Amino acid sequence: MDDKYSVYDHLKAHDIIDALRPLLDSGAYKLRREDGKFIPSSTSISKDTPWIHVKHADGFNCGLWHQVIFNVISAKLPEGKRFVPRNCQNCWKVVVKPRTLQQLFHLLEIEKKLDRPSKCGIEVRDSVPGLYGGYFYNKGQEAGLECYGAICMALSENEVMAPLLTELDGDNKTTRIILKRACTEFEHAVGDSSKWEVTDEQNAIEDLVERYMAADNLVLTQPEHLIWDIKKRWIEWAWKNGDPTYALYTAGNPLYPSYVTYHPPVDATKT
């Protein structure tokens, strides 16, 4: 054996058990009995999601790419070595940012009509400004630009949604309908998406992970009773955040009684 060859370094570089130990320790994954590959401990639909998924994108494995490769593998690397999963780098999203609950419900109907891979819902992430969001998923920048044009056309034909197209920045670009690359969390952690690259080291890591993760081709659909719960939480979110259009979905009634107040009225003649 070559005295310069380190068995330990080789084992360390290929130790997928250690690399993905957080998945095992949390109980989220287990090793499949017949071949030792990683599989989810249970397959269930998220009951707490704020999103209604109108149509899933074929060929997107966000659970593996984002939740495993990025959140577990990349996150453990030192700063400057973290990377955006290679498949995620080809994901381009058209993002629509409704201002009101009424616009969110209209966006949901537009997504259903267009039948494109998409979702929409309340935006509860601390790192993302705004109350509501809608996302259309595309493979490649060219497809993203085509989708952006189609979405702008659809919004322009809806009187509730059209005002979003008039909000422009200093470069005359729409601010409420944008085209972006991959997930917001990636840019926060790795930086400017125009500078992302895929390295040989990254490819080796991703190849190893994919080799030992069992394929999950199951597409989970949201049943009607879950969608009812999500919509109810949308309305509660609008009420909580002072969006008056919640009343369009409560027959004009507040979700909770108004305060009893005791301060005197303002004397308009003294203002």
Protein backbone atom coordinates (compact mmCIF):
# COMPACT_ATOMS: atom_id res chain seq x y z
CA MET A 1 0.00 0.00 0.00
CA ASP A 2 1.21 3.50 -0.83
CA ASP A 3 2.56 4.94 2.43
CA LYS A 4 1.17 8.33 1.39
CA TYR A 5 -2.35 6.98 1.06
CA SER A 6 -4.49 7.69 4.12
CA VAL A 7 -7.21 5.11 4.68
CA TYR A 8 -8.66 7.39 7.36
CA ASP A 9 -8.94 10.39 5.02
CA HIS A 10 -10.62 8.20 2.41
CA LEU A 11 -13.13 6.88 4.93
CA LYS A 12 -13.78 10.37 6.30
CA ALA A 13 -14.44 11.75 2.82
CA HIS A 14 -16.95 8.97 2.12
CA ASP A 15 -18.60 8.74 5.54
CA ILE A 16 -22.18 9.44 4.52
CA ILE A 17 -23.45 8.24 7.91
CA ASP A 18 -21.58 10.98 9.74
CA ALA A 19 -22.46 13.59 7.12
CA LEU A 20 -26.17 12.87 7.44
CA ARG A 21 -26.21 11.94 11.13
CA PRO A 22 -28.50 14.89 12.01
CA LEU A 23 -31.21 13.25 9.89
CA LEU A 24 -30.85 9.99 11.78
CA ASP A 25 -30.54 11.58 15.23
CA SER A 26 -33.67 13.66 14.69
CA GLY A 27 -35.63 10.57 13.69
CA ALA A 28 -36.59 12.12 10.36
CA TYR A 29 -34.76 9.41 8.41
CA LYS A 30 -33.78 5.80 8.96
CA LEU A 31 -31.63 3.26 7.14
CA ARG A 32 -33.58 0.93 4.87
CA ARG A 33 -33.23 -2.67 5.98
CA GLU A 34 -32.49 -4.22 2.59
CA ASP A 35 -29.72 -1.89 1.37
CA GLY A 36 -28.94 0.66 4.11
CA LYS A 37 -30.09 3.64 2.05
CA PHE A 38 -31.60 6.65 3.80
CA ILE A 39 -35.41 6.79 3.70
CA PRO A 40 -37.88 9.08 5.51
CA SER A 41 -39.13 7.56 8.76
CA SER A 42 -42.65 8.52 7.78
CA THR A 43 -44.32 10.02 4.75
CA SER A 44 -47.00 12.53 5.61
CA ILE A 45 -48.47 15.78 4.37
CA SER A 46 -47.45 18.87 6.32
CA LYS A 47 -50.39 20.07 8.39
CA ASP A 48 -48.80 23.42 9.26
CA THR A 49 -47.77 24.63 5.82
CA PRO A 50 -48.96 28.12 4.89
CA TRP A 51 -48.93 27.20 1.20
CA ILE A 52 -51.50 25.79 -1.17
CA HIS A 53 -49.59 23.84 -3.81
CA VAL A 54 -51.55 24.22 -7.03
CA LYS A 55 -49.26 22.05 -9.15
CA HIS A 56 -45.99 20.28 -8.37
CA ALA A 57 -43.00 20.76 -10.65
CA ASP A 58 -41.87 17.57 -12.38
CA GLY A 59 -38.26 16.68 -11.78
CA PHE A 60 -37.83 18.93 -8.74
CA ASN A 61 -36.64 17.11 -5.62
CA CYS A 62 -36.63 19.99 -3.16
CA GLY A 63 -36.73 17.66 -0.18
CA LEU A 64 -33.36 16.18 -1.16
CA TRP A 65 -31.71 19.25 -2.67
CA HIS A 66 -32.79 21.90 -0.16
CA GLN A 67 -33.64 20.04 3.05
CA VAL A 68 -30.77 17.53 2.91
CA ILE A 69 -27.93 18.73 0.67
CA PHE A 70 -28.23 22.43 1.53
CA ASN A 71 -29.63 22.44 5.08
CA VAL A 72 -27.51 19.54 6.36
CA ILE A 73 -24.45 19.04 4.16
CA SER A 74 -23.67 22.55 2.92
CA ALA A 75 -24.55 24.15 6.25
CA LYS A 76 -21.85 22.13 8.04
CA LEU A 77 -19.11 23.44 5.75
CA PRO A 78 -16.98 26.46 6.74
CA GLU A 79 -18.02 29.84 5.37
CA GLY A 80 -16.70 30.24 1.86
CA LYS A 81 -17.09 26.53 1.18
CA ARG A 82 -20.89 26.40 1.35
CA PHE A 83 -22.64 25.83 -1.93
CA VAL A 84 -26.02 25.92 -3.62
CA PRO A 85 -27.11 22.45 -4.83
CA ARG A 86 -26.38 22.04 -8.52
CA ASN A 87 -29.96 21.25 -9.49
CA CYS A 88 -31.27 24.24 -7.56
CA GLN A 89 -29.07 26.53 -9.62
CA ASN A 90 -31.29 25.80 -12.62
CA CYS A 91 -34.48 26.76 -10.76
CA TRP A 92 -35.93 30.14 -11.72
CA LYS A 93 -38.98 31.48 -9.91
CA VAL A 94 -41.51 34.09 -10.86
CA VAL A 95 -42.59 35.61 -7.56
CA VAL A 96 -45.85 37.53 -7.13
CA LYS A 97 -46.22 39.61 -3.97
CA PRO A 98 -49.89 40.41 -3.27
CA ARG A 99 -50.60 43.33 -0.96
CA THR A 100 -53.92 42.05 0.33
CA LEU A 101 -55.76 38.86 1.17
CA GLN A 102 -58.17 39.61 -1.66
CA GLN A 103 -55.26 39.64 -4.11
CA LEU A 104 -53.95 36.38 -2.64
CA PHE A 105 -57.27 34.62 -3.30
CA HIS A 106 -57.32 36.04 -6.84
CA LEU A 107 -53.75 34.80 -7.34
CA LEU A 108 -54.81 31.32 -6.27
CA GLU A 109 -57.48 31.28 -8.98
CA ILE A 110 -54.98 32.56 -11.56
CA GLU A 111 -52.55 29.78 -10.64
CA LYS A 112 -55.30 27.19 -11.08
CA LYS A 113 -56.27 28.64 -14.46
CA LEU A 114 -52.70 28.77 -15.79
CA ASP A 115 -51.96 25.22 -14.54
CA ARG A 116 -48.26 25.92 -14.11
CA PRO A 117 -46.10 24.53 -11.28
CA SER A 118 -46.91 26.98 -8.50
CA LYS A 119 -47.97 27.66 -4.94
CA CYS A 120 -49.23 30.63 -2.95
CA GLY A 121 -49.93 31.54 0.64
CA ILE A 122 -49.06 33.70 3.62
CA GLU A 123 -45.40 34.63 4.02
CA VAL A 124 -44.39 33.70 7.57
CA ARG A 125 -40.59 33.61 7.11
CA ASP A 126 -38.78 36.30 9.09
CA SER A 127 -36.28 36.81 6.26
CA VAL A 128 -38.91 37.65 3.62
CA PRO A 129 -40.75 41.00 3.73
CA GLY A 130 -44.47 41.18 2.97
CA LEU A 131 -47.54 39.28 4.10
CA TYR A 132 -48.32 37.14 1.04
CA GLY A 133 -46.51 35.39 -1.78
CA GLY A 134 -46.98 33.30 -4.88
CA TYR A 135 -44.30 31.27 -6.65
CA PHE A 136 -44.11 29.83 -10.17
CA TYR A 137 -41.33 27.27 -10.77
CA ASN A 138 -39.30 26.96 -13.95
CA LYS A 139 -36.22 25.12 -15.21
CA GLY A 140 -33.78 27.58 -16.71
CA GLN A 141 -33.66 31.34 -17.09
CA GLU A 142 -35.28 31.32 -20.54
CA ALA A 143 -38.28 29.41 -19.20
CA GLY A 144 -38.41 31.81 -16.27
CA LEU A 145 -38.57 34.83 -18.57
CA GLU A 146 -41.35 33.24 -20.62
CA CYS A 147 -43.26 32.53 -17.42
CA TYR A 148 -42.74 36.09 -16.20
CA GLY A 149 -44.34 37.44 -19.38
CA ALA A 150 -47.28 35.05 -19.10
CA ILE A 151 -47.88 35.96 -15.44
CA CYS A 152 -47.75 39.69 -16.16
CA MET A 153 -50.31 39.20 -18.94
CA ALA A 154 -52.61 37.22 -16.65
CA LEU A 155 -52.38 39.83 -13.90
CA SER A 156 -53.05 42.67 -16.31
CA GLU A 157 -56.37 41.03 -17.23
CA ASN A 158 -57.53 40.93 -13.60
CA GLU A 159 -58.71 44.26 -12.18
CA VAL A 160 -57.82 43.27 -8.60
CA MET A 161 -54.30 42.15 -9.53
CA ALA A 162 -53.42 44.68 -12.26
CA PRO A 163 -52.34 47.44 -9.80
CA LEU A 164 -49.37 45.28 -8.79
CA LEU A 165 -47.90 45.85 -12.25
CA THR A 166 -47.71 49.62 -11.70
CA GLU A 167 -45.29 49.41 -8.77
CA LEU A 168 -41.86 50.00 -10.32
CA ASP A 169 -38.34 50.60 -9.04
CA GLY A 170 -35.78 53.15 -10.23
CA ASP A 171 -34.90 50.96 -13.20
CA ASN A 172 -38.57 50.75 -14.26
CA LYS A 173 -38.75 47.10 -13.22
CA THR A 174 -41.80 45.67 -11.51
CA THR A 175 -41.28 45.18 -7.76
CA ARG A 176 -44.37 43.08 -7.01
CA ILE A 177 -43.75 40.57 -9.82
CA ILE A 178 -40.12 39.50 -10.10
CA LEU A 179 -37.96 36.77 -11.62
CA LYS A 180 -35.38 35.34 -9.24
CA ARG A 181 -33.03 32.41 -9.09
CA ALA A 182 -33.68 29.53 -6.67
CA CYS A 183 -34.58 29.90 -2.99
CA THR A 184 -34.13 33.09 -1.00
CA GLU A 185 -32.26 31.21 1.74
CA PHE A 186 -29.49 30.33 -0.73
CA GLU A 187 -28.60 33.95 -1.48
CA HIS A 188 -28.68 34.80 2.22
CA ALA A 189 -26.20 32.01 3.00
CA VAL A 190 -24.02 31.86 -0.10
CA GLY A 191 -24.38 35.29 -1.70
CA ASP A 192 -25.04 36.84 -5.11
CA SER A 193 -26.80 34.25 -7.28
CA SER A 194 -25.09 35.53 -10.44
CA LYS A 195 -21.79 34.30 -8.99
CA TRP A 196 -22.82 30.77 -8.06
CA GLU A 197 -20.80 27.93 -9.53
CA VAL A 198 -20.63 24.15 -9.35
CA THR A 199 -17.24 22.77 -8.31
CA ASP A 200 -15.75 19.30 -8.67
CA GLU A 201 -15.75 18.97 -4.87
CA GLN A 202 -19.44 19.85 -4.76
CA ASN A 203 -20.24 17.31 -7.47
CA ALA A 204 -18.43 14.61 -5.52
CA ILE A 205 -20.40 15.43 -2.37
CA GLU A 206 -23.74 15.50 -4.16
CA ASP A 207 -22.99 12.27 -6.04
CA LEU A 208 -22.26 10.55 -2.72
CA VAL A 209 -25.45 11.82 -1.08
CA GLU A 210 -27.63 10.86 -4.04
CA ARG A 211 -26.06 7.39 -4.14
CA TYR A 212 -27.24 6.61 -0.62
CA MET A 213 -30.58 8.43 -0.52
CA ALA A 214 -33.47 6.25 -1.65
CA ALA A 215 -35.50 7.76 -4.48
CA ASP A 216 -38.89 9.06 -3.41
CA ASN A 217 -41.15 9.50 -6.41
CA LEU A 218 -44.28 10.02 -4.34
CA VAL A 219 -46.12 13.27 -5.06
CA LEU A 220 -48.19 14.25 -2.07
CA THR A 221 -51.40 16.09 -2.90
CA GLN A 222 -53.25 18.32 -0.47
CA PRO A 223 -56.73 17.04 0.36
CA GLU A 224 -59.71 19.34 0.49
CA HIS A 225 -59.93 19.43 4.29
CA LEU A 226 -56.28 20.57 4.56
CA ILE A 227 -56.87 23.34 2.01
CA TRP A 228 -59.85 24.53 4.06
CA ASP A 229 -57.61 24.82 7.11
CA ILE A 230 -54.95 26.73 5.15
CA LYS A 231 -57.48 29.21 3.80
CA LYS A 232 -58.89 29.75 7.29
CA ARG A 233 -55.39 30.55 8.54
CA TRP A 234 -54.94 32.98 5.64
CA ILE A 235 -57.97 34.92 6.82
CA GLU A 236 -56.74 34.89 10.43
CA TRP A 237 -53.33 36.12 9.24
CA ALA A 238 -54.94 39.03 7.37
CA TRP A 239 -56.97 39.98 10.46
CA LYS A 240 -53.89 39.77 12.69
CA ASN A 241 -51.84 41.98 10.35
CA GLY A 242 -54.44 44.70 9.81
CA ASP A 243 -55.44 43.81 6.25
CA PRO A 244 -59.04 45.06 5.96
CA THR A 245 -59.83 42.79 3.00
CA TYR A 246 -60.25 39.93 5.48
CA ALA A 247 -63.83 41.22 5.84
CA LEU A 248 -64.58 40.12 2.26
CA TYR A 249 -64.39 36.55 3.56
CA THR A 250 -66.19 36.97 6.92
CA ALA A 251 -69.44 38.58 5.71
CA GLY A 252 -68.00 41.85 6.99
CA ASN A 253 -67.72 40.60 10.56
CA PRO A 254 -64.57 41.00 12.70
CA LEU A 255 -62.97 37.80 13.97
CA TYR A 256 -63.05 39.13 17.52
CA PRO A 257 -65.24 41.77 19.23
CA SER A 258 -64.08 45.37 19.19
CA TYR A 259 -62.65 46.97 22.31
CA VAL A 260 -64.84 48.93 24.67
CA THR A 261 -63.17 52.36 24.76
CA TYR A 262 -63.41 55.12 27.35
CA HIS A 263 -61.37 58.04 25.99
CA PRO A 264 -63.21 61.19 24.87
CA PRO A 265 -63.73 62.05 21.17
CA VAL A 266 -61.50 64.61 19.50
CA ASP A 267 -62.98 68.09 19.32
CA ALA A 268 -62.60 68.91 15.63
CA THR A 269 -62.95 72.64 16.30
CA LYS A 270 -59.70 72.64 18.29
CA THR A 271 -57.53 70.85 15.73
